[in-house]
Amino acid sequence: MLELKMADIDKVKVLVVGDSGVGKTCLVYLISHGEVCYNPSATIGCSVEVKLHEYRAGTPQEKDYFVELWDIGGAASHANSRSIFYNQVNGIILVHDLTNRKSHQNLRKWLAETLNREKSKSGNGYEYDPEQFAGNQIPILVIGTKADSAETLRDKFNPRSSTIAEECGADEFNVDSFQVKYLAPGSTNAVKLSKFFDKVIERKLSSHQGHISPLQSRRMWKNSHID
């Protein structure tokens, strides 16, 4: 009976992208499980975690959804093959390391890559053009990691300087993925994340995408793990 109920829950797909080493895997684990991942392994290809999200919690429209968080490996050597994971995307989380300014600058390249799947597939690359993406309807969230380290190094980003979020009309916040308090229930960060997931679900509902059956979802999940 429980399995039947789980099979009836709709799913949305969120890409989690950013440079290698910025802490995407630890962040995804914290979001999905509410716990710290102390010994993450390098992501080869893609790894998927799932979070159960209450869409429009506390309203008559409340409904459970599975949010699939597709943690995309950031190694440059796999750039030409990553496009296979960019199908039917409902939302994008851009992740950067607050102690590495270059990783923040590279978010534009990641956004360009994920939104221009065909050019990424051909290996031609794509430069970010804010005017072209101004009308993009895919919800975007920007998250800076290693907040405590950045504060110690006095290299912490001023949120107002994060122009990529402004250009995308996206929310943003910073975390230390080794401290659960940064996403504690009811916290400002947790509220922003919940609102983002709501936008992702609304994006799927408004785009009239076809329903993905449980069997198709399991196949996608299996194919997303590359040994």
C-alpha atoms as a PDB file:
ATOM      1  CA  MET A   1       0.000   0.000   0.000  1.00  0.00           C
ATOM      2  CA  LEU A   2       2.873   2.340   0.875  1.00  0.00           C
ATOM      3  CA  GLU A   3       4.623   1.529  -2.422  1.00  0.00           C
ATOM      4  CA  LEU A   4       1.423   2.346  -4.314  1.00  0.00           C
ATOM      5  CA  LYS A   5       1.137   5.719  -2.615  1.00  0.00           C
ATOM      6  CA  MET A   6       4.778   6.516  -3.405  1.00  0.00           C
ATOM      7  CA  ALA A   7       4.236   5.560  -7.047  1.00  0.00           C
ATOM      8  CA  ASP A   8       1.369   8.047  -7.207  1.00  0.00           C
ATOM      9  CA  ILE A   9       3.548  10.991  -6.155  1.00  0.00           C
ATOM     10  CA  ASP A  10       4.565  13.229  -9.052  1.00  0.00           C
ATOM     11  CA  LYS A  11       8.206  14.185  -9.620  1.00  0.00           C
ATOM     12  CA  VAL A  12      10.144  17.217 -10.773  1.00  0.00           C
ATOM     13  CA  LYS A  13      13.746  17.374 -11.940  1.00  0.00           C
ATOM     14  CA  VAL A  14      16.246  19.941 -10.657  1.00  0.00           C
ATOM     15  CA  LEU A  15      19.806  20.182 -11.950  1.00  0.00           C
ATOM     16  CA  VAL A  16      22.526  21.040  -9.435  1.00  0.00           C
ATOM     17  CA  VAL A  17      25.537  22.408 -11.312  1.00  0.00           C
ATOM     18  CA  GLY A  18      28.798  24.200 -10.577  1.00  0.00           C
ATOM     19  CA  ASP A  19      32.546  23.708 -10.731  1.00  0.00           C
ATOM     20  CA  SER A  20      34.161  20.549  -9.442  1.00  0.00           C
ATOM     21  CA  GLY A  21      34.966  20.807  -5.735  1.00  0.00           C
ATOM     22  CA  VAL A  22      32.452  23.509  -4.787  1.00  0.00           C
ATOM     23  CA  GLY A  23      30.538  21.077  -2.559  1.00  0.00           C
ATOM     24  CA  LYS A  24      27.490  20.139  -4.624  1.00  0.00           C
ATOM     25  CA  THR A  25      27.310  16.580  -3.293  1.00  0.00           C
ATOM     26  CA  CYS A  26      27.390  17.659   0.369  1.00  0.00           C
ATOM     27  CA  LEU A  27      24.820  20.349  -0.336  1.00  0.00           C
ATOM     28  CA  VAL A  28      22.461  17.943  -2.100  1.00  0.00           C
ATOM     29  CA  TYR A  29      22.776  15.462   0.749  1.00  0.00           C
ATOM     30  CA  LEU A  30      21.999  18.148   3.312  1.00  0.00           C
ATOM     31  CA  ILE A  31      18.945  19.290   1.342  1.00  0.00           C
ATOM     32  CA  SER A  32      17.658  15.751   0.812  1.00  0.00           C
ATOM     33  CA  HIS A  33      18.349  14.175   4.197  1.00  0.00           C
ATOM     34  CA  GLY A  34      18.746  17.078   6.593  1.00  0.00           C
ATOM     35  CA  GLU A  35      22.043  15.521   7.645  1.00  0.00           C
ATOM     36  CA  VAL A  36      25.726  16.157   7.001  1.00  0.00           C
ATOM     37  CA  CYS A  37      27.689  14.062   4.497  1.00  0.00           C
ATOM     38  CA  TYR A  38      31.200  13.983   5.933  1.00  0.00           C
ATOM     39  CA  ASN A  39      32.897  11.754   3.361  1.00  0.00           C
ATOM     40  CA  PRO A  40      31.521  12.583  -0.094  1.00  0.00           C
ATOM     41  CA  SER A  41      32.921  10.793  -3.108  1.00  0.00           C
ATOM     42  CA  ALA A  42      33.693  12.512  -6.387  1.00  0.00           C
ATOM     43  CA  THR A  43      30.677  12.585  -8.697  1.00  0.00           C
ATOM     44  CA  ILE A  44      31.341  10.847 -11.997  1.00  0.00           C
ATOM     45  CA  GLY A  45      28.649  11.774 -14.508  1.00  0.00           C
ATOM     46  CA  CYS A  46      25.638  12.339 -12.277  1.00  0.00           C
ATOM     47  CA  SER A  47      24.229  11.291  -8.925  1.00  0.00           C
ATOM     48  CA  VAL A  48      20.571  11.674  -7.925  1.00  0.00           C
ATOM     49  CA  GLU A  49      19.076  12.301  -4.492  1.00  0.00           C
ATOM     50  CA  VAL A  50      15.349  12.718  -3.805  1.00  0.00           C
ATOM     51  CA  LYS A  51      13.579  15.059  -1.402  1.00  0.00           C
ATOM     52  CA  LEU A  52       9.895  14.833  -0.498  1.00  0.00           C
ATOM     53  CA  HIS A  53       8.493  18.365  -0.741  1.00  0.00           C
ATOM     54  CA  GLU A  54       5.103  19.667   0.342  1.00  0.00           C
ATOM     55  CA  TYR A  55       3.960  21.926  -2.482  1.00  0.00           C
ATOM     56  CA  ARG A  56       2.077  24.977  -1.170  1.00  0.00           C
ATOM     57  CA  ALA A  57       2.253  23.647   2.352  1.00  0.00           C
ATOM     58  CA  GLY A  58      -0.535  24.843   4.625  1.00  0.00           C
ATOM     59  CA  THR A  59      -2.915  25.724   1.785  1.00  0.00           C
ATOM     60  CA  PRO A  60      -5.852  23.824   0.226  1.00  0.00           C
ATOM     61  CA  GLN A  61      -3.575  23.145  -2.775  1.00  0.00           C
ATOM     62  CA  GLU A  62      -1.015  21.295  -0.653  1.00  0.00           C
ATOM     63  CA  LYS A  63       0.367  18.223  -2.385  1.00  0.00           C
ATOM     64  CA  ASP A  64       3.442  16.007  -2.013  1.00  0.00           C
ATOM     65  CA  TYR A  65       6.057  15.953  -4.759  1.00  0.00           C
ATOM     66  CA  PHE A  66       9.364  14.173  -5.150  1.00  0.00           C
ATOM     67  CA  VAL A  67      12.104  16.644  -6.050  1.00  0.00           C
ATOM     68  CA  GLU A  68      14.882  14.808  -7.887  1.00  0.00           C
ATOM     69  CA  LEU A  69      18.173  16.639  -7.354  1.00  0.00           C
ATOM     70  CA  TRP A  70      20.542  15.742 -10.194  1.00  0.00           C
ATOM     71  CA  ASP A  71      24.060  16.412  -8.935  1.00  0.00           C
ATOM     72  CA  ILE A  72      26.056  16.925 -12.137  1.00  0.00           C
ATOM     73  CA  GLY A  73      29.792  16.148 -12.041  1.00  0.00           C
ATOM     74  CA  GLY A  74      31.798  19.296 -12.717  1.00  0.00           C
ATOM     75  CA  ALA A  75      34.963  17.771 -14.209  1.00  0.00           C
ATOM     76  CA  ALA A  76      35.999  19.569 -17.394  1.00  0.00           C
ATOM     77  CA  SER A  77      36.894  16.228 -18.999  1.00  0.00           C
ATOM     78  CA  HIS A  78      33.191  15.279 -19.038  1.00  0.00           C
ATOM     79  CA  ALA A  79      31.904  18.548 -20.478  1.00  0.00           C
ATOM     80  CA  ASN A  80      30.987  17.073 -23.853  1.00  0.00           C
ATOM     81  CA  SER A  81      28.901  14.239 -22.383  1.00  0.00           C
ATOM     82  CA  ARG A  82      26.947  16.088 -19.683  1.00  0.00           C
ATOM     83  CA  SER A  83      24.177  17.129 -22.064  1.00  0.00           C
ATOM     84  CA  ILE A  84      22.529  13.695 -21.686  1.00  0.00           C
ATOM     85  CA  PHE A  85      21.383  14.831 -18.222  1.00  0.00           C
ATOM     86  CA  TYR A  86      19.843  18.112 -19.401  1.00  0.00           C
ATOM     87  CA  ASN A  87      16.540  16.770 -20.726  1.00  0.00           C
ATOM     88  CA  GLN A  88      13.160  17.780 -19.249  1.00  0.00           C
ATOM     89  CA  VAL A  89      14.616  20.076 -16.601  1.00  0.00           C
ATOM     90  CA  ASN A  90      12.179  21.871 -14.291  1.00  0.00           C
ATOM     91  CA  GLY A  91      14.675  23.917 -12.271  1.00  0.00           C
ATOM     92  CA  ILE A  92      18.382  24.715 -11.857  1.00  0.00           C
ATOM     93  CA  ILE A  93      20.482  25.253  -8.727  1.00  0.00           C
ATOM     94  CA  LEU A  94      23.761  27.069  -9.444  1.00  0.00           C
ATOM     95  CA  VAL A  95      26.397  26.310  -6.788  1.00  0.00           C
ATOM     96  CA  HIS A  96      29.620  28.213  -6.123  1.00  0.00           C
ATOM     97  CA  ASP A  97      32.318  28.178  -3.456  1.00  0.00           C
ATOM     98  CA  LEU A  98      32.407  31.421  -1.446  1.00  0.00           C
ATOM     99  CA  THR A  99      36.180  31.050  -1.026  1.00  0.00           C
ATOM    100  CA  ASN A 100      36.713  30.714  -4.789  1.00  0.00           C
ATOM    101  CA  ARG A 101      35.590  33.734  -6.805  1.00  0.00           C
ATOM    102  CA  LYS A 102      36.315  31.976 -10.081  1.00  0.00           C
ATOM    103  CA  SER A 103      33.643  29.385  -9.281  1.00  0.00           C
ATOM    104  CA  HIS A 104      31.123  32.221  -9.019  1.00  0.00           C
ATOM    105  CA  GLN A 105      32.189  33.722 -12.325  1.00  0.00           C
ATOM    106  CA  ASN A 106      31.833  30.305 -13.962  1.00  0.00           C
ATOM    107  CA  LEU A 107      28.153  30.079 -13.029  1.00  0.00           C
ATOM    108  CA  ARG A 108      27.355  31.988 -16.233  1.00  0.00           C
ATOM    109  CA  LYS A 109      29.042  29.255 -18.259  1.00  0.00           C
ATOM    110  CA  TRP A 110      27.124  26.591 -16.357  1.00  0.00           C
ATOM    111  CA  LEU A 111      23.840  28.329 -16.981  1.00  0.00           C
ATOM    112  CA  ALA A 112      24.667  28.695 -20.663  1.00  0.00           C
ATOM    113  CA  GLU A 113      25.589  25.006 -20.875  1.00  0.00           C
ATOM    114  CA  THR A 114      22.441  23.729 -19.201  1.00  0.00           C
ATOM    115  CA  LEU A 115      20.099  25.966 -21.199  1.00  0.00           C
ATOM    116  CA  ASN A 116      21.788  25.231 -24.530  1.00  0.00           C
ATOM    117  CA  ARG A 117      21.869  21.470 -24.421  1.00  0.00           C
ATOM    118  CA  GLU A 118      22.355  20.902 -28.140  1.00  0.00           C
ATOM    119  CA  LYS A 119      25.405  23.151 -28.382  1.00  0.00           C
ATOM    120  CA  SER A 120      26.826  21.561 -25.245  1.00  0.00           C
ATOM    121  CA  LYS A 121      26.314  18.156 -26.833  1.00  0.00           C
ATOM    122  CA  SER A 122      28.249  19.199 -29.940  1.00  0.00           C
ATOM    123  CA  GLY A 123      31.145  20.386 -27.802  1.00  0.00           C
ATOM    124  CA  ASN A 124      31.063  23.876 -29.262  1.00  0.00           C
ATOM    125  CA  GLY A 125      30.361  25.508 -25.915  1.00  0.00           C
ATOM    126  CA  TYR A 126      28.260  28.588 -25.353  1.00  0.00           C
ATOM    127  CA  GLU A 127      28.858  32.008 -23.864  1.00  0.00           C
ATOM    128  CA  TYR A 128      26.386  33.434 -21.417  1.00  0.00           C
ATOM    129  CA  ASP A 129      24.279  36.266 -22.832  1.00  0.00           C
ATOM    130  CA  PRO A 130      22.101  37.898 -20.125  1.00  0.00           C
ATOM    131  CA  GLU A 131      19.769  39.430 -22.710  1.00  0.00           C
ATOM    132  CA  GLN A 132      19.060  36.069 -24.311  1.00  0.00           C
ATOM    133  CA  PHE A 133      18.259  34.437 -20.974  1.00  0.00           C
ATOM    134  CA  ALA A 134      16.238  37.341 -19.587  1.00  0.00           C
ATOM    135  CA  GLY A 135      13.001  35.632 -20.659  1.00  0.00           C
ATOM    136  CA  ASN A 136      14.008  32.185 -19.438  1.00  0.00           C
ATOM    137  CA  GLN A 137      11.155  30.601 -17.494  1.00  0.00           C
ATOM    138  CA  ILE A 138      13.107  27.864 -15.715  1.00  0.00           C
ATOM    139  CA  PRO A 139      13.354  28.699 -11.973  1.00  0.00           C
ATOM    140  CA  ILE A 140      16.924  29.282 -10.842  1.00  0.00           C
ATOM    141  CA  LEU A 141      18.441  29.353  -7.354  1.00  0.00           C
ATOM    142  CA  VAL A 142      22.014  30.435  -6.531  1.00  0.00           C
ATOM    143  CA  ILE A 143      23.711  28.895  -3.478  1.00  0.00           C
ATOM    144  CA  GLY A 144      27.146  29.749  -2.101  1.00  0.00           C
ATOM    145  CA  THR A 145      28.884  27.029  -0.080  1.00  0.00           C
ATOM    146  CA  LYS A 146      31.606  27.001   2.608  1.00  0.00           C
ATOM    147  CA  ALA A 147      30.123  30.070   4.293  1.00  0.00           C
ATOM    148  CA  ASP A 148      32.012  29.573   7.560  1.00  0.00           C
ATOM    149  CA  SER A 149      35.354  29.145   5.779  1.00  0.00           C
ATOM    150  CA  ALA A 150      34.705  32.234   3.694  1.00  0.00           C
ATOM    151  CA  GLU A 151      33.967  34.233   6.820  1.00  0.00           C
ATOM    152  CA  THR A 152      37.172  33.035   8.433  1.00  0.00           C
ATOM    153  CA  LEU A 153      39.169  33.982   5.340  1.00  0.00           C
ATOM    154  CA  ARG A 154      37.362  37.319   5.116  1.00  0.00           C
ATOM    155  CA  ASP A 155      36.612  36.506   1.518  1.00  0.00           C
ATOM    156  CA  LYS A 156      32.858  36.233   1.917  1.00  0.00           C
ATOM    157  CA  PHE A 157      30.748  37.437  -1.012  1.00  0.00           C
ATOM    158  CA  ASN A 158      28.473  40.393  -0.500  1.00  0.00           C
ATOM    159  CA  PRO A 159      25.099  39.035  -1.687  1.00  0.00           C
ATOM    160  CA  ARG A 160      24.532  42.270  -3.597  1.00  0.00           C
ATOM    161  CA  SER A 161      27.571  41.554  -5.758  1.00  0.00           C
ATOM    162  CA  SER A 162      26.087  38.292  -7.007  1.00  0.00           C
ATOM    163  CA  THR A 163      24.906  39.724 -10.299  1.00  0.00           C
ATOM    164  CA  ILE A 164      24.168  36.304 -11.806  1.00  0.00           C
ATOM    165  CA  ALA A 165      21.221  36.001  -9.411  1.00  0.00           C
ATOM    166  CA  GLU A 166      20.045  39.507 -10.270  1.00  0.00           C
ATOM    167  CA  GLU A 167      20.287  38.815 -13.990  1.00  0.00           C
ATOM    168  CA  CYS A 168      18.242  35.632 -13.612  1.00  0.00           C
ATOM    169  CA  GLY A 169      15.748  37.108 -11.174  1.00  0.00           C
ATOM    170  CA  ALA A 170      16.815  34.324  -8.830  1.00  0.00           C
ATOM    171  CA  ASP A 171      16.892  33.978  -5.063  1.00  0.00           C
ATOM    172  CA  GLU A 172      20.218  33.186  -3.406  1.00  0.00           C
ATOM    173  CA  PHE A 173      21.659  32.243  -0.044  1.00  0.00           C
ATOM    174  CA  ASN A 174      24.846  30.894   1.506  1.00  0.00           C
ATOM    175  CA  VAL A 175      25.406  27.733   3.532  1.00  0.00           C
ATOM    176  CA  ASP A 176      28.005  25.632   5.240  1.00  0.00           C
ATOM    177  CA  SER A 177      26.971  22.105   4.272  1.00  0.00           C
ATOM    178  CA  PHE A 178      28.650  20.706   7.392  1.00  0.00           C
ATOM    179  CA  GLN A 179      26.221  22.539   9.652  1.00  0.00           C
ATOM    180  CA  VAL A 180      22.529  21.612   9.515  1.00  0.00           C
ATOM    181  CA  LYS A 181      21.537  24.950  11.054  1.00  0.00           C
ATOM    182  CA  TYR A 182      21.920  26.625   7.676  1.00  0.00           C
ATOM    183  CA  LEU A 183      18.837  24.773   6.405  1.00  0.00           C
ATOM    184  CA  ALA A 184      16.997  24.365   9.693  1.00  0.00           C
ATOM    185  CA  PRO A 185      13.183  24.224   9.314  1.00  0.00           C
ATOM    186  CA  GLY A 186      11.713  27.705   9.411  1.00  0.00           C
ATOM    187  CA  SER A 187      15.032  29.423   8.722  1.00  0.00           C
ATOM    188  CA  THR A 188      15.302  32.070   6.002  1.00  0.00           C
ATOM    189  CA  ASN A 189      17.324  29.695   3.831  1.00  0.00           C
ATOM    190  CA  ALA A 190      14.823  26.859   4.241  1.00  0.00           C
ATOM    191  CA  VAL A 191      11.951  29.183   3.304  1.00  0.00           C
ATOM    192  CA  LYS A 192      13.789  30.344   0.173  1.00  0.00           C
ATOM    193  CA  LEU A 193      14.492  26.737  -0.790  1.00  0.00           C
ATOM    194  CA  SER A 194      10.851  25.754  -0.274  1.00  0.00           C
ATOM    195  CA  LYS A 195       9.649  28.672  -2.395  1.00  0.00           C
ATOM    196  CA  PHE A 196      12.098  27.655  -5.111  1.00  0.00           C
ATOM    197  CA  PHE A 197      10.750  24.101  -5.141  1.00  0.00           C
ATOM    198  CA  ASP A 198       7.210  25.496  -5.381  1.00  0.00           C
ATOM    199  CA  LYS A 199       8.277  27.532  -8.427  1.00  0.00           C
ATOM    200  CA  VAL A 200       9.841  24.433  -9.972  1.00  0.00           C
ATOM    201  CA  ILE A 201       6.599  22.497  -9.564  1.00  0.00           C
ATOM    202  CA  GLU A 202       4.570  25.394 -10.956  1.00  0.00           C
ATOM    203  CA  ARG A 203       6.934  25.490 -13.929  1.00  0.00           C
ATOM    204  CA  LYS A 204       6.209  21.843 -14.664  1.00  0.00           C
ATOM    205  CA  LEU A 205       2.467  22.305 -14.259  1.00  0.00           C
ATOM    206  CA  SER A 206       2.414  25.330 -16.564  1.00  0.00           C
ATOM    207  CA  SER A 207       4.592  23.742 -19.243  1.00  0.00           C
ATOM    208  CA  HIS A 208       2.157  20.804 -19.675  1.00  0.00           C
ATOM    209  CA  GLN A 209       4.977  18.284 -19.715  1.00  0.00           C
ATOM    210  CA  GLY A 210       3.912  14.678 -20.097  1.00  0.00           C
ATOM    211  CA  HIS A 211       3.597  12.553 -16.987  1.00  0.00           C
ATOM    212  CA  ILE A 212       6.666  10.420 -16.278  1.00  0.00           C
ATOM    213  CA  SER A 213       5.647   6.963 -15.208  1.00  0.00           C
ATOM    214  CA  PRO A 214       7.344   5.318 -12.208  1.00  0.00           C
ATOM    215  CA  LEU A 215       9.028   2.843 -14.585  1.00  0.00           C
ATOM    216  CA  GLN A 216      10.425   5.681 -16.738  1.00  0.00           C
ATOM    217  CA  SER A 217      11.612   7.491 -13.639  1.00  0.00           C
ATOM    218  CA  ARG A 218      13.439   4.397 -12.366  1.00  0.00           C
ATOM    219  CA  ARG A 219      15.106   3.988 -15.758  1.00  0.00           C
ATOM    220  CA  MET A 220      16.199   7.638 -15.743  1.00  0.00           C
ATOM    221  CA  TRP A 221      17.531   7.187 -12.212  1.00  0.00           C
ATOM    222  CA  LYS A 222      19.475   4.059 -13.169  1.00  0.00           C
ATOM    223  CA  ASN A 223      20.907   5.651 -16.306  1.00  0.00           C
ATOM    224  CA  SER A 224      21.992   8.725 -14.366  1.00  0.00           C
ATOM    225  CA  HIS A 225      24.531   6.751 -12.318  1.00  0.00           C
ATOM    226  CA  ILE A 226      27.718   6.204 -14.282  1.00  0.00           C
ATOM    227  CA  ASP A 227      30.313   4.001 -12.671  1.00  0.00           C
END
